[in-house]
C-alpha atoms as a PDB file:
ATOM      1  CA  MET A   1     -54.053 -25.136 118.773  1.00  0.00           C
ATOM      2  CA  SER A   2     -51.521 -22.703 117.424  1.00  0.00           C
ATOM      3  CA  LYS A   3     -53.068 -19.516 116.069  1.00  0.00           C
ATOM      4  CA  SER A   4     -50.928 -19.875 112.971  1.00  0.00           C
ATOM      5  CA  LEU A   5     -52.717 -23.129 112.099  1.00  0.00           C
ATOM      6  CA  LYS A   6     -56.258 -21.800 112.317  1.00  0.00           C
ATOM      7  CA  LEU A   7     -58.006 -22.244 109.000  1.00  0.00           C
ATOM      8  CA  ASP A   8     -59.172 -18.629 108.810  1.00  0.00           C
ATOM      9  CA  ASP A   9     -55.582 -17.447 109.325  1.00  0.00           C
ATOM     10  CA  GLN A  10     -54.364 -19.230 106.183  1.00  0.00           C
ATOM     11  CA  LEU A  11     -53.728 -17.062 103.126  1.00  0.00           C
ATOM     12  CA  CYS A  12     -54.185 -20.094 100.888  1.00  0.00           C
ATOM     13  CA  PHE A  13     -57.675 -20.645 102.321  1.00  0.00           C
ATOM     14  CA  SER A  14     -58.735 -17.042 101.801  1.00  0.00           C
ATOM     15  CA  ILE A  15     -57.565 -17.205  98.168  1.00  0.00           C
ATOM     16  CA  TYR A  16     -59.309 -20.561  97.724  1.00  0.00           C
ATOM     17  CA  GLN A  17     -62.539 -19.125  99.138  1.00  0.00           C
ATOM     18  CA  ALA A  18     -62.230 -15.999  96.977  1.00  0.00           C
ATOM     19  CA  GLY A  19     -61.888 -18.243  93.922  1.00  0.00           C
ATOM     20  CA  HIS A  20     -65.139 -19.969  94.818  1.00  0.00           C
ATOM     21  CA  ALA A  21     -66.807 -16.604  95.342  1.00  0.00           C
ATOM     22  CA  PHE A  22     -65.704 -15.527  91.859  1.00  0.00           C
ATOM     23  CA  ASN A  23     -67.221 -18.682  90.400  1.00  0.00           C
ATOM     24  CA  ARG A  24     -70.503 -18.034  92.227  1.00  0.00           C
ATOM     25  CA  PHE A  25     -70.505 -14.417  91.044  1.00  0.00           C
ATOM     26  CA  TYR A  26     -69.745 -15.253  87.421  1.00  0.00           C
ATOM     27  CA  ARG A  27     -72.191 -18.163  87.100  1.00  0.00           C
ATOM     28  CA  PRO A  28     -75.337 -16.021  86.567  1.00  0.00           C
ATOM     29  CA  LEU A  29     -73.400 -13.729  84.218  1.00  0.00           C
ATOM     30  CA  LEU A  30     -72.096 -16.585  82.085  1.00  0.00           C
ATOM     31  CA  GLU A  31     -75.136 -18.872  82.019  1.00  0.00           C
ATOM     32  CA  PRO A  32     -77.131 -16.654  79.600  1.00  0.00           C
ATOM     33  CA  LEU A  33     -74.122 -16.781  77.274  1.00  0.00           C
ATOM     34  CA  GLY A  34     -73.966 -20.569  77.555  1.00  0.00           C
ATOM     35  CA  LEU A  35     -70.473 -20.446  79.045  1.00  0.00           C
ATOM     36  CA  THR A  36     -68.628 -21.992  81.934  1.00  0.00           C
ATOM     37  CA  TYR A  37     -65.937 -20.015  83.744  1.00  0.00           C
ATOM     38  CA  PRO A  38     -63.056 -21.957  82.092  1.00  0.00           C
ATOM     39  CA  GLN A  39     -64.646 -21.320  78.683  1.00  0.00           C
ATOM     40  CA  TYR A  40     -64.858 -17.619  79.532  1.00  0.00           C
ATOM     41  CA  LEU A  41     -61.137 -17.632  80.344  1.00  0.00           C
ATOM     42  CA  VAL A  42     -60.395 -19.184  76.936  1.00  0.00           C
ATOM     43  CA  LEU A  43     -62.492 -16.497  75.267  1.00  0.00           C
ATOM     44  CA  LEU A  44     -60.706 -13.748  77.205  1.00  0.00           C
ATOM     45  CA  THR A  45     -57.411 -15.157  75.941  1.00  0.00           C
ATOM     46  CA  LEU A  46     -58.615 -15.253  72.329  1.00  0.00           C
ATOM     47  CA  TRP A  47     -60.259 -11.819  72.495  1.00  0.00           C
ATOM     48  CA  GLU A  48     -56.851 -10.514  73.495  1.00  0.00           C
ATOM     49  CA  ALA A  49     -55.003 -12.384  70.712  1.00  0.00           C
ATOM     50  CA  ASP A  50     -56.941 -14.525  68.239  1.00  0.00           C
ATOM     51  CA  GLY A  51     -55.396 -17.383  66.290  1.00  0.00           C
ATOM     52  CA  LEU A  52     -53.217 -18.786  69.054  1.00  0.00           C
ATOM     53  CA  PRO A  53     -51.652 -22.234  69.183  1.00  0.00           C
ATOM     54  CA  LEU A  54     -53.313 -24.550  71.679  1.00  0.00           C
ATOM     55  CA  LYS A  55     -50.051 -24.693  73.665  1.00  0.00           C
ATOM     56  CA  ALA A  56     -49.994 -20.896  74.002  1.00  0.00           C
ATOM     57  CA  ILE A  57     -53.537 -20.879  75.366  1.00  0.00           C
ATOM     58  CA  GLY A  58     -52.625 -23.636  77.811  1.00  0.00           C
ATOM     59  CA  ALA A  59     -49.522 -21.745  78.954  1.00  0.00           C
ATOM     60  CA  ARG A  60     -51.477 -18.508  79.383  1.00  0.00           C
ATOM     61  CA  LEU A  61     -54.184 -20.207  81.479  1.00  0.00           C
ATOM     62  CA  GLY A  62     -51.955 -22.716  83.268  1.00  0.00           C
ATOM     63  CA  LEU A  63     -53.846 -25.672  81.761  1.00  0.00           C
ATOM     64  CA  ASP A  64     -52.358 -28.800  80.216  1.00  0.00           C
ATOM     65  CA  SER A  65     -53.556 -30.091  76.857  1.00  0.00           C
ATOM     66  CA  GLY A  66     -55.434 -32.968  78.529  1.00  0.00           C
ATOM     67  CA  THR A  67     -57.645 -30.419  80.281  1.00  0.00           C
ATOM     68  CA  LEU A  68     -57.750 -27.842  77.507  1.00  0.00           C
ATOM     69  CA  THR A  69     -58.509 -30.122  74.533  1.00  0.00           C
ATOM     70  CA  PRO A  70     -61.938 -31.339  75.734  1.00  0.00           C
ATOM     71  CA  LEU A  71     -62.820 -27.782  76.758  1.00  0.00           C
ATOM     72  CA  LEU A  72     -61.950 -26.462  73.299  1.00  0.00           C
ATOM     73  CA  LYS A  73     -63.777 -29.345  71.647  1.00  0.00           C
ATOM     74  CA  ARG A  74     -67.007 -28.420  73.471  1.00  0.00           C
ATOM     75  CA  MET A  75     -66.525 -24.776  72.516  1.00  0.00           C
ATOM     76  CA  GLU A  76     -66.003 -25.768  68.894  1.00  0.00           C
ATOM     77  CA  GLU A  77     -69.174 -27.886  68.985  1.00  0.00           C
ATOM     78  CA  THR A  78     -71.152 -24.848  70.156  1.00  0.00           C
ATOM     79  CA  GLY A  79     -69.693 -22.727  67.353  1.00  0.00           C
ATOM     80  CA  LEU A  80     -67.530 -20.394  69.436  1.00  0.00           C
ATOM     81  CA  LEU A  81     -64.180 -21.286  67.916  1.00  0.00           C
ATOM     82  CA  ARG A  82     -62.361 -23.399  65.344  1.00  0.00           C
ATOM     83  CA  ARG A  83     -59.384 -25.678  65.836  1.00  0.00           C
ATOM     84  CA  GLU A  84     -57.204 -26.286  62.797  1.00  0.00           C
ATOM     85  CA  ARG A  85     -53.806 -27.806  62.221  1.00  0.00           C
ATOM     86  CA  ASP A  86     -51.136 -25.234  61.487  1.00  0.00           C
ATOM     87  CA  ARG A  87     -50.329 -25.361  57.757  1.00  0.00           C
ATOM     88  CA  THR A  88     -46.610 -24.838  58.406  1.00  0.00           C
ATOM     89  CA  ASP A  89     -46.356 -27.206  61.401  1.00  0.00           C
ATOM     90  CA  GLU A  90     -48.887 -30.050  61.501  1.00  0.00           C
ATOM     91  CA  ARG A  91     -47.994 -30.736  65.144  1.00  0.00           C
ATOM     92  CA  GLN A  92     -49.596 -27.475  66.247  1.00  0.00           C
ATOM     93  CA  VAL A  93     -53.305 -26.766  66.553  1.00  0.00           C
ATOM     94  CA  ILE A  94     -54.324 -23.147  65.977  1.00  0.00           C
ATOM     95  CA  VAL A  95     -57.446 -21.901  67.745  1.00  0.00           C
ATOM     96  CA  THR A  96     -59.465 -19.052  66.228  1.00  0.00           C
ATOM     97  CA  LEU A  97     -62.706 -17.392  67.185  1.00  0.00           C
ATOM     98  CA  THR A  98     -65.796 -17.689  65.040  1.00  0.00           C
ATOM     99  CA  PRO A  99     -68.043 -14.662  64.542  1.00  0.00           C
ATOM    100  CA  LYS A 100     -70.282 -16.089  67.289  1.00  0.00           C
ATOM    101  CA  GLY A 101     -67.320 -16.251  69.686  1.00  0.00           C
ATOM    102  CA  ARG A 102     -66.257 -12.733  68.751  1.00  0.00           C
ATOM    103  CA  ARG A 103     -69.785 -11.349  69.365  1.00  0.00           C
ATOM    104  CA  LEU A 104     -69.730 -12.566  72.972  1.00  0.00           C
ATOM    105  CA  GLU A 105     -66.973 -10.067  73.730  1.00  0.00           C
ATOM    106  CA  ALA A 106     -69.444  -7.169  73.618  1.00  0.00           C
ATOM    107  CA  LYS A 107     -71.806  -9.043  75.937  1.00  0.00           C
ATOM    108  CA  ALA A 108     -69.024  -9.687  78.441  1.00  0.00           C
ATOM    109  CA  ALA A 109     -67.603  -6.155  78.321  1.00  0.00           C
ATOM    110  CA  ALA A 110     -69.491  -5.082  81.471  1.00  0.00           C
ATOM    111  CA  PHE A 111     -68.284  -8.003  83.607  1.00  0.00           C
ATOM    112  CA  PRO A 112     -65.165  -6.251  85.000  1.00  0.00           C
ATOM    113  CA  VAL A 113     -67.269  -3.254  86.044  1.00  0.00           C
ATOM    114  CA  ARG A 114     -69.717  -5.580  87.786  1.00  0.00           C
ATOM    115  CA  ILE A 115     -66.842  -7.221  89.676  1.00  0.00           C
ATOM    116  CA  GLY A 116     -65.558  -3.807  90.783  1.00  0.00           C
ATOM    117  CA  GLU A 117     -68.992  -2.771  91.982  1.00  0.00           C
ATOM    118  CA  ALA A 118     -69.564  -6.041  93.841  1.00  0.00           C
ATOM    119  CA  ALA A 119     -66.114  -5.898  95.441  1.00  0.00           C
ATOM    120  CA  GLN A 120     -66.693  -2.297  96.516  1.00  0.00           C
ATOM    121  CA  CYS A 121     -63.162  -1.424  95.464  1.00  0.00           C
ATOM    122  CA  SER A 122     -61.821   1.364  93.336  1.00  0.00           C
ATOM    123  CA  ALA A 123     -60.162   0.592  90.034  1.00  0.00           C
ATOM    124  CA  ALA A 124     -56.814   1.459  91.620  1.00  0.00           C
ATOM    125  CA  GLU A 125     -57.420  -0.949  94.516  1.00  0.00           C
ATOM    126  CA  LEU A 126     -58.369  -3.759  92.139  1.00  0.00           C
ATOM    127  CA  THR A 127     -55.288  -3.099  90.011  1.00  0.00           C
ATOM    128  CA  ALA A 128     -53.044  -3.155  93.089  1.00  0.00           C
ATOM    129  CA  LEU A 129     -54.653  -6.369  94.327  1.00  0.00           C
ATOM    130  CA  ARG A 130     -54.246  -8.043  90.931  1.00  0.00           C
ATOM    131  CA  LYS A 131     -50.562  -7.049  90.771  1.00  0.00           C
ATOM    132  CA  LEU A 132     -49.980  -8.331  94.291  1.00  0.00           C
ATOM    133  CA  LEU A 133     -51.652 -11.662  93.493  1.00  0.00           C
ATOM    134  CA  PHE A 134     -49.590 -12.102  90.312  1.00  0.00           C
ATOM    135  CA  ARG A 135     -46.431 -11.341  92.279  1.00  0.00           C
ATOM    136  CA  LEU A 136     -47.487 -13.862  94.927  1.00  0.00           C
ATOM    137  CA  ARG A 137     -48.099 -16.476  92.207  1.00  0.00           C
ATOM    138  CA  ASP A 138     -44.714 -15.813  90.613  1.00  0.00           C
ATOM    139  CA  ASP A 139     -42.880 -15.928  93.950  1.00  0.00           C
ATOM    140  CA  LEU A 140     -44.582 -19.192  94.932  1.00  0.00           C
ATOM    141  CA  ASP A 141     -43.807 -20.719  91.521  1.00  0.00           C
ATOM    142  CA  THR A 142     -40.166 -19.717  91.932  1.00  0.00           C
ATOM    143  CA  ALA A 143     -40.025 -21.184  95.431  1.00  0.00           C
ATOM    144  CA  ALA A 144     -41.702 -24.413  94.282  1.00  0.00           C
ATOM    145  CA  ALA A 145     -39.201 -24.805  91.453  1.00  0.00           C
ATOM    146  CA  ALA A 146     -36.218 -24.369  93.794  1.00  0.00           C
END
């Protein structure tokens, strides 16, 4: 077998495994808040900019409306957010946090520090890694579109 085809030599596999490790790490942090990881990502998006159109949230997270709509519906049912038709454009759905959804931000504020501690990386190392991963994503998206 060629060394280049060993599973552990594949960048895609290491990123895939790291994604699973993030999910395992976040699960005990999010469970007391009653959140799943995708719901947490929606909240992060809305904490950054509340009152976004559904399409903007989907674009930010890389999720289509077929995936995002049921997720938002469950979050609305638990009182974390509201979905309302835009008054100026009925085709758009605007998503806003409720006070309950806003309060979770303070409870989640320590999560990035916990990740840094668990990863045993400095803030600078984590920032560099994040930038590198975003560049990798962008380059792969560009190559896939070509």
